[in-house]
Amino acid sequence: MTITYEWRGQVDDDALNALHAEGFGGPVGRTDWRSRLERHSLGWVCARDGAELVGFVNIAWDGGIHAFVLDTVVAQRCRGHGVGTALVRAAAEGSRAAGCEWLHVDFEAHLHAFYVSACGFRETAAGLIAL
């Protein structure tokens, strides 16, 4: 397995919808990812094994110095091999190069070791309102 990572890589909606469904559960959606990313994101990172999309992370931002990690997903067959950590590292590098000073993430408790221990985020107080 040789994984390549690309900041603002080409996105195939069908492939990303399938990966998203595998990673987060549920049916394969019909999201127009390319339009959504171009409209709302600072950048994103695609991980590929050859031509196959095996990982993805989206980076939203405030237009200034704050960037936000969303939709981190790795294909089941590639988990446990550092793909997710490399995705987040590439996203941090792209965000830094764009002038951001802070990269934020919120996550569920079962992802604590990934984001804090593996990716190097520090814990902060945060709030959330379900809408």
C-alpha atoms as a PDB file:
ATOM      1  CA  MET A   1       0.000   0.000   0.000  1.00  0.00           C
ATOM      2  CA  THR A   2       1.542   3.300  -1.147  1.00  0.00           C
ATOM      3  CA  ILE A   3      -0.602   6.233  -0.096  1.00  0.00           C
ATOM      4  CA  THR A   4      -0.268   9.691  -1.636  1.00  0.00           C
ATOM      5  CA  TYR A   5      -1.739  12.865  -0.147  1.00  0.00           C
ATOM      6  CA  GLU A   6      -2.857  15.928  -2.041  1.00  0.00           C
ATOM      7  CA  TRP A   7      -3.953  19.306  -0.662  1.00  0.00           C
ATOM      8  CA  ARG A   8      -6.994  20.499  -2.631  1.00  0.00           C
ATOM      9  CA  GLY A   9      -6.854  17.335  -4.724  1.00  0.00           C
ATOM     10  CA  GLN A  10      -9.352  16.428  -7.417  1.00  0.00           C
ATOM     11  CA  VAL A  11     -12.596  15.184  -5.886  1.00  0.00           C
ATOM     12  CA  ASP A  12     -14.834  12.636  -7.552  1.00  0.00           C
ATOM     13  CA  ASP A  13     -18.293  12.996  -5.997  1.00  0.00           C
ATOM     14  CA  ASP A  14     -19.183   9.307  -6.377  1.00  0.00           C
ATOM     15  CA  ALA A  15     -15.940   8.125  -4.765  1.00  0.00           C
ATOM     16  CA  LEU A  16     -16.197  10.601  -1.879  1.00  0.00           C
ATOM     17  CA  ASN A  17     -19.873   9.821  -1.298  1.00  0.00           C
ATOM     18  CA  ALA A  18     -19.025   6.096  -1.118  1.00  0.00           C
ATOM     19  CA  LEU A  19     -16.080   6.694   1.253  1.00  0.00           C
ATOM     20  CA  HIS A  20     -18.207   8.964   3.430  1.00  0.00           C
ATOM     21  CA  ALA A  21     -20.955   6.320   3.646  1.00  0.00           C
ATOM     22  CA  GLU A  22     -18.407   3.633   4.568  1.00  0.00           C
ATOM     23  CA  GLY A  23     -16.789   5.799   7.195  1.00  0.00           C
ATOM     24  CA  PHE A  24     -19.829   7.342   8.827  1.00  0.00           C
ATOM     25  CA  GLY A  25     -22.487   4.710   8.121  1.00  0.00           C
ATOM     26  CA  GLY A  26     -25.686   5.103   6.218  1.00  0.00           C
ATOM     27  CA  PRO A  27     -26.509   5.019   2.543  1.00  0.00           C
ATOM     28  CA  VAL A  28     -24.319   6.456  -0.189  1.00  0.00           C
ATOM     29  CA  GLY A  29     -25.342  10.074  -0.629  1.00  0.00           C
ATOM     30  CA  ARG A  30     -25.505  12.274  -3.689  1.00  0.00           C
ATOM     31  CA  THR A  31     -23.591  15.271  -2.354  1.00  0.00           C
ATOM     32  CA  ASP A  32     -21.993  17.611  -4.875  1.00  0.00           C
ATOM     33  CA  TRP A  33     -18.738  17.689  -2.918  1.00  0.00           C
ATOM     34  CA  ARG A  34     -16.747  19.701  -5.427  1.00  0.00           C
ATOM     35  CA  SER A  35     -19.203  22.612  -5.324  1.00  0.00           C
ATOM     36  CA  ARG A  36     -19.492  22.441  -1.542  1.00  0.00           C
ATOM     37  CA  LEU A  37     -15.733  22.401  -1.046  1.00  0.00           C
ATOM     38  CA  GLU A  38     -15.091  25.245  -3.472  1.00  0.00           C
ATOM     39  CA  ARG A  39     -17.784  27.349  -1.806  1.00  0.00           C
ATOM     40  CA  HIS A  40     -17.024  26.728   1.880  1.00  0.00           C
ATOM     41  CA  SER A  41     -13.562  25.278   2.421  1.00  0.00           C
ATOM     42  CA  LEU A  42     -10.062  26.595   2.825  1.00  0.00           C
ATOM     43  CA  GLY A  43      -8.902  23.254   1.508  1.00  0.00           C
ATOM     44  CA  TRP A  44      -9.110  19.504   1.812  1.00  0.00           C
ATOM     45  CA  VAL A  45      -6.762  16.573   1.611  1.00  0.00           C
ATOM     46  CA  CYS A  46      -7.342  13.470  -0.477  1.00  0.00           C
ATOM     47  CA  ALA A  47      -5.455  10.256   0.302  1.00  0.00           C
ATOM     48  CA  ARG A  48      -5.139   7.773  -2.525  1.00  0.00           C
ATOM     49  CA  ASP A  49      -3.838   4.261  -2.891  1.00  0.00           C
ATOM     50  CA  GLY A  50      -3.067   4.384  -6.595  1.00  0.00           C
ATOM     51  CA  ALA A  51      -6.191   5.908  -8.138  1.00  0.00           C
ATOM     52  CA  GLU A  52      -8.508   4.808  -5.287  1.00  0.00           C
ATOM     53  CA  LEU A  53      -9.680   7.430  -2.783  1.00  0.00           C
ATOM     54  CA  VAL A  54      -8.942   5.917   0.641  1.00  0.00           C
ATOM     55  CA  GLY A  55      -9.013   9.000   2.868  1.00  0.00           C
ATOM     56  CA  PHE A  56     -10.310  12.536   3.057  1.00  0.00           C
ATOM     57  CA  VAL A  57     -10.413  15.505   5.405  1.00  0.00           C
ATOM     58  CA  ASN A  58     -12.126  18.854   4.836  1.00  0.00           C
ATOM     59  CA  ILE A  59     -10.848  22.130   6.288  1.00  0.00           C
ATOM     60  CA  ALA A  60     -13.406  24.897   6.715  1.00  0.00           C
ATOM     61  CA  TRP A  61     -12.315  28.343   7.870  1.00  0.00           C
ATOM     62  CA  ASP A  62     -13.414  31.751   9.031  1.00  0.00           C
ATOM     63  CA  GLY A  63     -11.594  33.611   6.253  1.00  0.00           C
ATOM     64  CA  GLY A  64      -8.909  34.657   8.710  1.00  0.00           C
ATOM     65  CA  ILE A  65      -6.670  32.756  11.103  1.00  0.00           C
ATOM     66  CA  HIS A  66      -8.982  29.930  12.243  1.00  0.00           C
ATOM     67  CA  ALA A  67      -9.401  26.640  10.362  1.00  0.00           C
ATOM     68  CA  PHE A  68     -11.663  23.744  11.335  1.00  0.00           C
ATOM     69  CA  VAL A  69     -11.288  19.998  10.728  1.00  0.00           C
ATOM     70  CA  LEU A  70     -14.398  18.305   9.309  1.00  0.00           C
ATOM     71  CA  ASP A  71     -15.255  14.945   7.782  1.00  0.00           C
ATOM     72  CA  THR A  72     -12.026  13.062   8.523  1.00  0.00           C
ATOM     73  CA  VAL A  73     -12.566   9.614   7.034  1.00  0.00           C
ATOM     74  CA  VAL A  74     -10.342   6.659   6.100  1.00  0.00           C
ATOM     75  CA  ALA A  75     -11.382   3.524   4.243  1.00  0.00           C
ATOM     76  CA  GLN A  76     -11.775   0.561   6.591  1.00  0.00           C
ATOM     77  CA  ARG A  77      -8.992  -1.422   4.875  1.00  0.00           C
ATOM     78  CA  CYS A  78      -6.505   1.426   5.454  1.00  0.00           C
ATOM     79  CA  ARG A  79      -7.250   2.175   9.107  1.00  0.00           C
ATOM     80  CA  GLY A  80      -4.513   1.622  11.641  1.00  0.00           C
ATOM     81  CA  HIS A  81      -1.730   2.437   9.172  1.00  0.00           C
ATOM     82  CA  GLY A  82      -1.307   6.161   9.896  1.00  0.00           C
ATOM     83  CA  VAL A  83      -3.456   7.390   7.004  1.00  0.00           C
ATOM     84  CA  GLY A  84      -5.731   9.504   9.201  1.00  0.00           C
ATOM     85  CA  THR A  85      -2.796  11.053  11.041  1.00  0.00           C
ATOM     86  CA  ALA A  86      -1.082  11.872   7.736  1.00  0.00           C
ATOM     87  CA  LEU A  87      -4.325  13.429   6.420  1.00  0.00           C
ATOM     88  CA  VAL A  88      -4.560  15.729   9.443  1.00  0.00           C
ATOM     89  CA  ARG A  89      -0.840  16.576   9.243  1.00  0.00           C
ATOM     90  CA  ALA A  90      -1.211  17.545   5.557  1.00  0.00           C
ATOM     91  CA  ALA A  91      -4.315  19.582   6.423  1.00  0.00           C
ATOM     92  CA  ALA A  92      -2.399  21.410   9.166  1.00  0.00           C
ATOM     93  CA  GLU A  93       0.437  22.182   6.738  1.00  0.00           C
ATOM     94  CA  GLY A  94      -2.005  23.493   4.118  1.00  0.00           C
ATOM     95  CA  SER A  95      -3.800  25.602   6.707  1.00  0.00           C
ATOM     96  CA  ARG A  96      -0.532  27.046   8.008  1.00  0.00           C
ATOM     97  CA  ALA A  97       0.617  27.848   4.457  1.00  0.00           C
ATOM     98  CA  ALA A  98      -2.681  29.703   3.911  1.00  0.00           C
ATOM     99  CA  GLY A  99      -1.945  31.951   6.898  1.00  0.00           C
ATOM    100  CA  CYS A 100      -4.066  30.249   9.548  1.00  0.00           C
ATOM    101  CA  GLU A 101      -2.769  30.289  13.112  1.00  0.00           C
ATOM    102  CA  TRP A 102      -5.240  27.889  14.717  1.00  0.00           C
ATOM    103  CA  LEU A 103      -6.624  24.514  13.652  1.00  0.00           C
ATOM    104  CA  HIS A 104      -9.705  23.485  15.612  1.00  0.00           C
ATOM    105  CA  VAL A 105     -11.395  20.104  15.873  1.00  0.00           C
ATOM    106  CA  ASP A 106     -14.245  18.708  17.892  1.00  0.00           C
ATOM    107  CA  PHE A 107     -14.737  14.985  18.199  1.00  0.00           C
ATOM    108  CA  GLU A 108     -16.597  12.234  19.985  1.00  0.00           C
ATOM    109  CA  ALA A 109     -14.983  10.633  23.028  1.00  0.00           C
ATOM    110  CA  HIS A 110     -13.943   7.459  21.184  1.00  0.00           C
ATOM    111  CA  LEU A 111     -11.720   9.588  18.882  1.00  0.00           C
ATOM    112  CA  HIS A 112      -9.801  11.239  21.739  1.00  0.00           C
ATOM    113  CA  ALA A 113      -6.652   9.121  21.316  1.00  0.00           C
ATOM    114  CA  PHE A 114      -6.601   9.785  17.577  1.00  0.00           C
ATOM    115  CA  TYR A 115      -6.919  13.558  17.714  1.00  0.00           C
ATOM    116  CA  VAL A 116      -5.033  14.269  20.952  1.00  0.00           C
ATOM    117  CA  SER A 117      -2.392  11.542  21.107  1.00  0.00           C
ATOM    118  CA  ALA A 118      -1.808  10.747  17.418  1.00  0.00           C
ATOM    119  CA  CYS A 119      -2.457  14.136  15.803  1.00  0.00           C
ATOM    120  CA  GLY A 120      -1.213  16.429  18.574  1.00  0.00           C
ATOM    121  CA  PHE A 121      -4.304  18.498  19.323  1.00  0.00           C
ATOM    122  CA  ARG A 122      -4.559  19.790  22.859  1.00  0.00           C
ATOM    123  CA  GLU A 123      -7.768  19.692  24.809  1.00  0.00           C
ATOM    124  CA  THR A 124      -9.763  22.901  25.198  1.00  0.00           C
ATOM    125  CA  ALA A 125     -13.140  23.832  26.599  1.00  0.00           C
ATOM    126  CA  ALA A 126     -15.782  24.091  23.895  1.00  0.00           C
ATOM    127  CA  GLY A 127     -19.513  24.278  23.545  1.00  0.00           C
ATOM    128  CA  LEU A 128     -22.093  22.838  21.179  1.00  0.00           C
ATOM    129  CA  ILE A 129     -25.753  23.455  20.416  1.00  0.00           C
ATOM    130  CA  ALA A 130     -27.698  20.800  18.521  1.00  0.00           C
ATOM    131  CA  LEU A 131     -29.828  22.552  15.908  1.00  0.00           C
END
